[in-house]
Amino acid sequence: MGKNTVIEVEHVSMKFNLASEKYDSLKEYVIKSIRGQVSFEEFWALKDVSFHLEKGDSLGLIGLNGSGKSTMLKTIAGVLKPTKGSVRVYGTIAPLIELGAGFDFDLTAEENVFLNGAILGYSRKEMEKHYSDIVAFSELGEFMNVPVKNFSSGMIARLAFAIATIGIPDILIVDEVLAVGDFRFQEKCEKRIQRMLDQGTTLLFVSHSIDQVAKLCKKIVWLEKGQVKRFGDAKEILNEYSKS
């Protein structure tokens, strides 16, 4: 690998076992599983996926629902361990995969800033330094003392994005986050991502908006039923994808 390699995905396959029948209750499921009566169907969400990214690359993952995009991001973020193959990541990751995943919804927005910061590996002192920027960017100044359970999904998205994008991470992973919130805020997020790219951050991006992918990404992995259909130049592949 080159010295600027940031992510190496080598022959990654991911298998899930899906229960092949429905159960009326957890009790029924537990009893049947103890008796060895639960049958599973194997589902391969990813099949032999390989690609490498260099520092500063911006990669869009595209494909229909169920093609394996989010599974691939979670594997790179370390949330999931591949069934086969390997993923190597060199650098710090700021993951925006499941909005509010690191939030305690009974706590206020302010308390969640410090909780989420700790989960991302920042000290309280570092978070205090970034706090006013987080409040300003999220535009939630008057709501910082309100429990997050009272927030709309758009407000949660704004807070999560503002926290995850403090500083300049080596790798930023964004999964459908910009679909939440108004158009003006989406543009603001795009500008912040672009600023990070200009400073050498590597981006992995999933969005249903092909316009957003085209704006932010120079490379594309096109997944189809868990397999790589195409990997390469964004303009060329997006053109092909829009005609498919």
C-alpha atoms as a PDB file:
ATOM      1  CA  MET A   1       0.000   0.000   0.000  1.00  0.00           C
ATOM      2  CA  GLY A   2       1.072   3.591  -0.608  1.00  0.00           C
ATOM      3  CA  LYS A   3       2.115   5.722   2.332  1.00  0.00           C
ATOM      4  CA  ASN A   4      -1.003   7.885   1.862  1.00  0.00           C
ATOM      5  CA  THR A   5      -3.423   4.940   2.095  1.00  0.00           C
ATOM      6  CA  VAL A   6      -6.129   5.641   4.686  1.00  0.00           C
ATOM      7  CA  ILE A   7      -8.600   2.776   4.158  1.00  0.00           C
ATOM      8  CA  GLU A   8      -7.984  -0.742   2.814  1.00  0.00           C
ATOM      9  CA  VAL A   9     -11.034  -2.926   2.232  1.00  0.00           C
ATOM     10  CA  GLU A  10      -9.861  -6.416   1.213  1.00  0.00           C
ATOM     11  CA  HIS A  11     -12.309  -9.125   0.046  1.00  0.00           C
ATOM     12  CA  VAL A  12     -14.921  -8.178   2.650  1.00  0.00           C
ATOM     13  CA  SER A  13     -18.026 -10.343   2.973  1.00  0.00           C
ATOM     14  CA  MET A  14     -20.704  -9.923   5.648  1.00  0.00           C
ATOM     15  CA  LYS A  15     -23.233 -12.615   6.550  1.00  0.00           C
ATOM     16  CA  PHE A  16     -26.343 -12.130   8.666  1.00  0.00           C
ATOM     17  CA  ASN A  17     -28.538 -14.955   9.943  1.00  0.00           C
ATOM     18  CA  LEU A  18     -32.201 -14.056   9.514  1.00  0.00           C
ATOM     19  CA  ALA A  19     -34.873 -16.014  11.370  1.00  0.00           C
ATOM     20  CA  SER A  20     -36.841 -17.739   8.633  1.00  0.00           C
ATOM     21  CA  GLU A  21     -40.157 -17.654  10.505  1.00  0.00           C
ATOM     22  CA  LYS A  22     -41.996 -15.118  12.645  1.00  0.00           C
ATOM     23  CA  TYR A  23     -42.541 -15.626  16.380  1.00  0.00           C
ATOM     24  CA  ASP A  24     -45.488 -14.244  18.351  1.00  0.00           C
ATOM     25  CA  SER A  25     -43.399 -13.432  21.416  1.00  0.00           C
ATOM     26  CA  LEU A  26     -39.877 -13.351  22.775  1.00  0.00           C
ATOM     27  CA  LYS A  27     -40.858 -16.219  25.105  1.00  0.00           C
ATOM     28  CA  GLU A  28     -41.800 -18.450  22.144  1.00  0.00           C
ATOM     29  CA  TYR A  29     -38.520 -17.558  20.384  1.00  0.00           C
ATOM     30  CA  VAL A  30     -36.417 -18.341  23.504  1.00  0.00           C
ATOM     31  CA  ILE A  31     -38.187 -21.684  24.113  1.00  0.00           C
ATOM     32  CA  LYS A  32     -37.773 -22.739  20.482  1.00  0.00           C
ATOM     33  CA  SER A  33     -34.119 -21.652  20.383  1.00  0.00           C
ATOM     34  CA  ILE A  34     -33.382 -23.708  23.547  1.00  0.00           C
ATOM     35  CA  ARG A  35     -35.003 -26.711  21.859  1.00  0.00           C
ATOM     36  CA  GLY A  36     -32.981 -26.022  18.693  1.00  0.00           C
ATOM     37  CA  GLN A  37     -36.154 -25.376  16.700  1.00  0.00           C
ATOM     38  CA  VAL A  38     -35.220 -21.935  15.378  1.00  0.00           C
ATOM     39  CA  SER A  39     -34.216 -22.035  11.727  1.00  0.00           C
ATOM     40  CA  PHE A  40     -32.199 -19.285  10.054  1.00  0.00           C
ATOM     41  CA  GLU A  41     -31.642 -18.176   6.499  1.00  0.00           C
ATOM     42  CA  GLU A  42     -28.202 -16.872   5.559  1.00  0.00           C
ATOM     43  CA  PHE A  43     -28.164 -13.425   4.035  1.00  0.00           C
ATOM     44  CA  TRP A  44     -24.937 -12.067   2.545  1.00  0.00           C
ATOM     45  CA  ALA A  45     -25.124  -8.259   2.799  1.00  0.00           C
ATOM     46  CA  LEU A  46     -21.628  -7.867   1.287  1.00  0.00           C
ATOM     47  CA  LYS A  47     -19.831 -10.259  -1.062  1.00  0.00           C
ATOM     48  CA  ASP A  48     -16.077  -9.986  -1.718  1.00  0.00           C
ATOM     49  CA  VAL A  49     -15.866  -6.173  -1.643  1.00  0.00           C
ATOM     50  CA  SER A  50     -12.418  -4.601  -2.184  1.00  0.00           C
ATOM     51  CA  PHE A  51     -11.253  -0.985  -2.611  1.00  0.00           C
ATOM     52  CA  HIS A  52      -8.540   1.342  -1.281  1.00  0.00           C
ATOM     53  CA  LEU A  53      -8.721   5.037  -0.458  1.00  0.00           C
ATOM     54  CA  GLU A  54      -5.925   7.585  -0.169  1.00  0.00           C
ATOM     55  CA  LYS A  55      -5.752  10.591   2.154  1.00  0.00           C
ATOM     56  CA  GLY A  56      -8.151  13.294   0.954  1.00  0.00           C
ATOM     57  CA  ASP A  57     -10.229  10.986  -1.257  1.00  0.00           C
ATOM     58  CA  SER A  58     -13.989  11.549  -1.260  1.00  0.00           C
ATOM     59  CA  LEU A  59     -15.958   8.372  -1.915  1.00  0.00           C
ATOM     60  CA  GLY A  60     -19.683   8.058  -2.522  1.00  0.00           C
ATOM     61  CA  LEU A  61     -21.373   4.690  -2.017  1.00  0.00           C
ATOM     62  CA  ILE A  62     -24.374   4.301  -4.292  1.00  0.00           C
ATOM     63  CA  GLY A  63     -26.886   1.546  -5.025  1.00  0.00           C
ATOM     64  CA  LEU A  64     -30.488   0.611  -4.343  1.00  0.00           C
ATOM     65  CA  ASN A  65     -31.833   0.068  -0.809  1.00  0.00           C
ATOM     66  CA  GLY A  66     -30.437  -3.214   0.510  1.00  0.00           C
ATOM     67  CA  SER A  67     -27.359  -3.118  -1.719  1.00  0.00           C
ATOM     68  CA  GLY A  68     -25.022  -3.055   1.335  1.00  0.00           C
ATOM     69  CA  LYS A  69     -24.034   0.636   1.554  1.00  0.00           C
ATOM     70  CA  SER A  70     -24.735   1.146   5.271  1.00  0.00           C
ATOM     71  CA  THR A  71     -23.292  -2.273   6.153  1.00  0.00           C
ATOM     72  CA  MET A  72     -20.068  -1.278   4.360  1.00  0.00           C
ATOM     73  CA  LEU A  73     -19.874   2.024   6.277  1.00  0.00           C
ATOM     74  CA  LYS A  74     -20.481   0.280   9.614  1.00  0.00           C
ATOM     75  CA  THR A  75     -17.736  -2.232   8.804  1.00  0.00           C
ATOM     76  CA  ILE A  76     -15.264   0.589   8.076  1.00  0.00           C
ATOM     77  CA  ALA A  77     -16.354   2.447  11.237  1.00  0.00           C
ATOM     78  CA  GLY A  78     -15.662  -0.707  13.279  1.00  0.00           C
ATOM     79  CA  VAL A  79     -19.309  -1.147  14.336  1.00  0.00           C
ATOM     80  CA  LEU A  80     -19.484  -4.487  12.485  1.00  0.00           C
ATOM     81  CA  LYS A  81     -16.766  -7.111  12.046  1.00  0.00           C
ATOM     82  CA  PRO A  82     -16.668  -8.701   8.578  1.00  0.00           C
ATOM     83  CA  THR A  83     -17.461 -12.416   8.273  1.00  0.00           C
ATOM     84  CA  LYS A  84     -14.633 -12.742   5.742  1.00  0.00           C
ATOM     85  CA  GLY A  85     -11.865 -10.398   4.596  1.00  0.00           C
ATOM     86  CA  SER A  86     -10.345  -7.427   6.370  1.00  0.00           C
ATOM     87  CA  VAL A  87     -10.706  -3.669   6.813  1.00  0.00           C
ATOM     88  CA  ARG A  88      -7.712  -1.548   7.786  1.00  0.00           C
ATOM     89  CA  VAL A  89      -8.172   2.086   8.769  1.00  0.00           C
ATOM     90  CA  TYR A  90      -5.292   4.483   9.408  1.00  0.00           C
ATOM     91  CA  GLY A  91      -6.428   7.560  11.343  1.00  0.00           C
ATOM     92  CA  THR A  92      -9.245   8.988  13.430  1.00  0.00           C
ATOM     93  CA  ILE A  93     -12.866   8.483  12.356  1.00  0.00           C
ATOM     94  CA  ALA A  94     -15.814  10.828  12.911  1.00  0.00           C
ATOM     95  CA  PRO A  95     -18.830   8.599  12.171  1.00  0.00           C
ATOM     96  CA  LEU A  96     -22.260  10.034  11.394  1.00  0.00           C
ATOM     97  CA  ILE A  97     -24.026   6.744  10.839  1.00  0.00           C
ATOM     98  CA  GLU A  98     -27.027   6.513  13.137  1.00  0.00           C
ATOM     99  CA  LEU A  99     -28.173   9.912  14.278  1.00  0.00           C
ATOM    100  CA  GLY A 100     -28.242  10.323  18.008  1.00  0.00           C
ATOM    101  CA  ALA A 101     -26.684   6.859  18.533  1.00  0.00           C
ATOM    102  CA  GLY A 102     -24.415   8.332  21.216  1.00  0.00           C
ATOM    103  CA  PHE A 103     -27.122  10.451  22.852  1.00  0.00           C
ATOM    104  CA  ASP A 104     -28.955   9.878  26.140  1.00  0.00           C
ATOM    105  CA  PHE A 105     -32.406  11.203  25.282  1.00  0.00           C
ATOM    106  CA  ASP A 106     -33.249  12.018  28.916  1.00  0.00           C
ATOM    107  CA  LEU A 107     -30.282  14.398  29.154  1.00  0.00           C
ATOM    108  CA  THR A 108     -30.261  17.975  27.855  1.00  0.00           C
ATOM    109  CA  ALA A 109     -28.593  18.947  24.592  1.00  0.00           C
ATOM    110  CA  GLU A 110     -25.741  20.550  26.559  1.00  0.00           C
ATOM    111  CA  GLU A 111     -25.139  17.377  28.594  1.00  0.00           C
ATOM    112  CA  ASN A 112     -25.229  15.327  25.407  1.00  0.00           C
ATOM    113  CA  VAL A 113     -22.531  17.496  23.811  1.00  0.00           C
ATOM    114  CA  PHE A 114     -20.095  16.398  26.526  1.00  0.00           C
ATOM    115  CA  LEU A 115     -21.347  12.792  26.559  1.00  0.00           C
ATOM    116  CA  ASN A 116     -21.033  12.486  22.770  1.00  0.00           C
ATOM    117  CA  GLY A 117     -17.635  14.176  22.854  1.00  0.00           C
ATOM    118  CA  ALA A 118     -16.416  11.603  25.399  1.00  0.00           C
ATOM    119  CA  ILE A 119     -17.670   8.758  23.159  1.00  0.00           C
ATOM    120  CA  LEU A 120     -15.722  10.302  20.250  1.00  0.00           C
ATOM    121  CA  GLY A 121     -12.609  10.433  22.438  1.00  0.00           C
ATOM    122  CA  TYR A 122     -12.518  14.148  23.348  1.00  0.00           C
ATOM    123  CA  SER A 123     -11.765  15.394  26.866  1.00  0.00           C
ATOM    124  CA  ARG A 124     -14.193  17.715  28.681  1.00  0.00           C
ATOM    125  CA  LYS A 125     -11.652  20.529  28.279  1.00  0.00           C
ATOM    126  CA  GLU A 126     -11.553  20.040  24.490  1.00  0.00           C
ATOM    127  CA  MET A 127     -15.351  19.996  24.319  1.00  0.00           C
ATOM    128  CA  GLU A 128     -15.559  23.230  26.340  1.00  0.00           C
ATOM    129  CA  LYS A 129     -13.278  24.822  23.752  1.00  0.00           C
ATOM    130  CA  HIS A 130     -15.610  23.735  20.908  1.00  0.00           C
ATOM    131  CA  TYR A 131     -18.912  24.203  22.758  1.00  0.00           C
ATOM    132  CA  SER A 132     -19.820  27.685  21.476  1.00  0.00           C
ATOM    133  CA  ASP A 133     -19.033  26.612  17.887  1.00  0.00           C
ATOM    134  CA  ILE A 134     -21.288  23.545  18.270  1.00  0.00           C
ATOM    135  CA  VAL A 135     -24.154  25.717  19.565  1.00  0.00           C
ATOM    136  CA  ALA A 136     -23.674  28.300  16.806  1.00  0.00           C
ATOM    137  CA  PHE A 137     -23.447  25.741  13.995  1.00  0.00           C
ATOM    138  CA  SER A 138     -26.437  23.691  15.178  1.00  0.00           C
ATOM    139  CA  GLU A 139     -28.493  26.892  15.688  1.00  0.00           C
ATOM    140  CA  LEU A 140     -29.929  25.392  18.890  1.00  0.00           C
ATOM    141  CA  GLY A 141     -28.875  28.138  21.309  1.00  0.00           C
ATOM    142  CA  GLU A 142     -32.253  28.473  23.032  1.00  0.00           C
ATOM    143  CA  PHE A 143     -32.721  24.689  23.295  1.00  0.00           C
ATOM    144  CA  MET A 144     -29.438  23.616  24.904  1.00  0.00           C
ATOM    145  CA  ASN A 145     -31.107  23.098  28.316  1.00  0.00           C
ATOM    146  CA  VAL A 146     -33.971  21.049  26.852  1.00  0.00           C
ATOM    147  CA  PRO A 147     -33.915  17.205  27.057  1.00  0.00           C
ATOM    148  CA  VAL A 148     -33.091  15.726  23.641  1.00  0.00           C
ATOM    149  CA  LYS A 149     -36.221  13.502  23.794  1.00  0.00           C
ATOM    150  CA  ASN A 150     -38.199  16.668  22.985  1.00  0.00           C
ATOM    151  CA  PHE A 151     -36.166  17.368  19.823  1.00  0.00           C
ATOM    152  CA  SER A 152     -37.348  16.759  16.265  1.00  0.00           C
ATOM    153  CA  SER A 153     -35.227  14.464  14.058  1.00  0.00           C
ATOM    154  CA  GLY A 154     -33.958  17.595  12.264  1.00  0.00           C
ATOM    155  CA  MET A 155     -32.736  19.141  15.544  1.00  0.00           C
ATOM    156  CA  ILE A 156     -31.016  15.872  16.529  1.00  0.00           C
ATOM    157  CA  ALA A 157     -29.339  15.772  13.095  1.00  0.00           C
ATOM    158  CA  ARG A 158     -28.067  19.328  13.501  1.00  0.00           C
ATOM    159  CA  LEU A 159     -26.646  18.641  16.973  1.00  0.00           C
ATOM    160  CA  ALA A 160     -25.070  15.306  15.954  1.00  0.00           C
ATOM    161  CA  PHE A 161     -23.490  16.835  12.839  1.00  0.00           C
ATOM    162  CA  ALA A 162     -22.146  19.846  14.769  1.00  0.00           C
ATOM    163  CA  ILE A 163     -20.500  17.573  17.374  1.00  0.00           C
ATOM    164  CA  ALA A 164     -19.069  15.013  14.915  1.00  0.00           C
ATOM    165  CA  THR A 165     -17.476  17.687  12.735  1.00  0.00           C
ATOM    166  CA  ILE A 166     -15.510  19.639  15.348  1.00  0.00           C
ATOM    167  CA  GLY A 167     -11.846  19.741  14.458  1.00  0.00           C
ATOM    168  CA  ILE A 168     -10.582  18.007  11.327  1.00  0.00           C
ATOM    169  CA  PRO A 169     -10.887  14.188  11.549  1.00  0.00           C
ATOM    170  CA  ASP A 170      -8.777  11.977   9.252  1.00  0.00           C
ATOM    171  CA  ILE A 171     -11.942  10.216   8.063  1.00  0.00           C
ATOM    172  CA  LEU A 172     -15.543  11.458   8.039  1.00  0.00           C
ATOM    173  CA  ILE A 173     -18.317   8.883   7.502  1.00  0.00           C
ATOM    174  CA  VAL A 174     -21.743  10.301   6.604  1.00  0.00           C
ATOM    175  CA  ASP A 175     -24.777   8.046   6.088  1.00  0.00           C
ATOM    176  CA  GLU A 176     -28.009   9.740   4.927  1.00  0.00           C
ATOM    177  CA  VAL A 177     -27.579  12.403   7.612  1.00  0.00           C
ATOM    178  CA  LEU A 178     -28.037  15.321   5.247  1.00  0.00           C
ATOM    179  CA  ALA A 179     -31.467  14.009   4.228  1.00  0.00           C
ATOM    180  CA  VAL A 180     -32.746  15.354   7.565  1.00  0.00           C
ATOM    181  CA  GLY A 181     -33.215  19.077   8.033  1.00  0.00           C
ATOM    182  CA  ASP A 182     -33.973  21.943   5.704  1.00  0.00           C
ATOM    183  CA  PHE A 183     -32.232  22.800   2.449  1.00  0.00           C
ATOM    184  CA  ARG A 184     -30.347  25.772   3.913  1.00  0.00           C
ATOM    185  CA  PHE A 185     -28.881  23.625   6.710  1.00  0.00           C
ATOM    186  CA  GLN A 186     -27.920  20.911   4.196  1.00  0.00           C
ATOM    187  CA  GLU A 187     -25.948  23.524   2.243  1.00  0.00           C
ATOM    188  CA  LYS A 188     -24.235  24.625   5.451  1.00  0.00           C
ATOM    189  CA  CYS A 189     -23.242  20.996   6.158  1.00  0.00           C
ATOM    190  CA  GLU A 190     -21.958  20.536   2.612  1.00  0.00           C
ATOM    191  CA  LYS A 191     -19.757  23.624   3.002  1.00  0.00           C
ATOM    192  CA  ARG A 192     -18.318  22.286   6.273  1.00  0.00           C
ATOM    193  CA  ILE A 193     -17.598  18.894   4.653  1.00  0.00           C
ATOM    194  CA  GLN A 194     -15.943  20.669   1.713  1.00  0.00           C
ATOM    195  CA  ARG A 195     -13.743  22.644   4.134  1.00  0.00           C
ATOM    196  CA  MET A 196     -12.631  19.363   5.730  1.00  0.00           C
ATOM    197  CA  LEU A 197     -11.872  17.867   2.309  1.00  0.00           C
ATOM    198  CA  ASP A 198      -9.763  20.935   1.499  1.00  0.00           C
ATOM    199  CA  GLN A 199      -7.751  20.211   4.661  1.00  0.00           C
ATOM    200  CA  GLY A 200      -7.113  16.545   3.815  1.00  0.00           C
ATOM    201  CA  THR A 201     -10.025  14.682   5.436  1.00  0.00           C
ATOM    202  CA  THR A 202     -11.093  11.489   3.649  1.00  0.00           C
ATOM    203  CA  LEU A 203     -14.864  11.275   3.130  1.00  0.00           C
ATOM    204  CA  LEU A 204     -17.166   8.241   2.873  1.00  0.00           C
ATOM    205  CA  PHE A 205     -20.629   9.397   1.911  1.00  0.00           C
ATOM    206  CA  VAL A 206     -24.024   7.750   1.434  1.00  0.00           C
ATOM    207  CA  SER A 207     -26.988   9.772   0.223  1.00  0.00           C
ATOM    208  CA  HIS A 208     -30.107   9.170  -1.854  1.00  0.00           C
ATOM    209  CA  SER A 209     -29.413  12.556  -3.419  1.00  0.00           C
ATOM    210  CA  ILE A 210     -27.211  11.935  -6.466  1.00  0.00           C
ATOM    211  CA  ASP A 211     -26.733  15.741  -6.689  1.00  0.00           C
ATOM    212  CA  GLN A 212     -25.127  15.753  -3.221  1.00  0.00           C
ATOM    213  CA  VAL A 213     -22.916  12.778  -4.116  1.00  0.00           C
ATOM    214  CA  ALA A 214     -21.840  14.506  -7.359  1.00  0.00           C
ATOM    215  CA  LYS A 215     -21.073  17.741  -5.471  1.00  0.00           C
ATOM    216  CA  LEU A 216     -18.923  16.144  -2.751  1.00  0.00           C
ATOM    217  CA  CYS A 217     -17.427  12.926  -4.167  1.00  0.00           C
ATOM    218  CA  LYS A 218     -14.645  12.295  -6.680  1.00  0.00           C
ATOM    219  CA  LYS A 219     -14.811   8.486  -6.498  1.00  0.00           C
ATOM    220  CA  ILE A 220     -17.727   6.037  -6.418  1.00  0.00           C
ATOM    221  CA  VAL A 221     -18.330   2.489  -5.245  1.00  0.00           C
ATOM    222  CA  TRP A 222     -21.514   1.244  -6.902  1.00  0.00           C
ATOM    223  CA  LEU A 223     -22.893  -1.707  -4.944  1.00  0.00           C
ATOM    224  CA  GLU A 224     -25.460  -4.123  -6.318  1.00  0.00           C
ATOM    225  CA  LYS A 225     -26.783  -6.928  -4.074  1.00  0.00           C
ATOM    226  CA  GLY A 226     -23.677  -6.625  -1.882  1.00  0.00           C
ATOM    227  CA  GLN A 227     -21.149  -6.770  -4.722  1.00  0.00           C
ATOM    228  CA  VAL A 228     -19.062  -4.030  -6.327  1.00  0.00           C
ATOM    229  CA  LYS A 229     -20.538  -3.312  -9.743  1.00  0.00           C
ATOM    230  CA  ARG A 230     -18.208  -0.377 -10.439  1.00  0.00           C
ATOM    231  CA  PHE A 231     -15.419   1.488  -8.609  1.00  0.00           C
ATOM    232  CA  GLY A 232     -13.778   4.583 -10.047  1.00  0.00           C
ATOM    233  CA  ASP A 233     -14.354   8.127 -11.283  1.00  0.00           C
ATOM    234  CA  ALA A 234     -17.527   9.718  -9.867  1.00  0.00           C
ATOM    235  CA  LYS A 235     -18.639  11.640 -12.952  1.00  0.00           C
ATOM    236  CA  GLU A 236     -18.403   8.635 -15.254  1.00  0.00           C
ATOM    237  CA  ILE A 237     -20.115   6.166 -12.873  1.00  0.00           C
ATOM    238  CA  LEU A 238     -22.886   8.576 -11.767  1.00  0.00           C
ATOM    239  CA  ASN A 239     -23.692   9.189 -15.424  1.00  0.00           C
ATOM    240  CA  GLU A 240     -24.028   5.428 -15.968  1.00  0.00           C
ATOM    241  CA  TYR A 241     -25.983   4.978 -12.706  1.00  0.00           C
ATOM    242  CA  SER A 242     -28.542   7.679 -13.576  1.00  0.00           C
ATOM    243  CA  LYS A 243     -29.304   5.845 -16.845  1.00  0.00           C
ATOM    244  CA  SER A 244     -29.720   2.431 -15.176  1.00  0.00           C
END
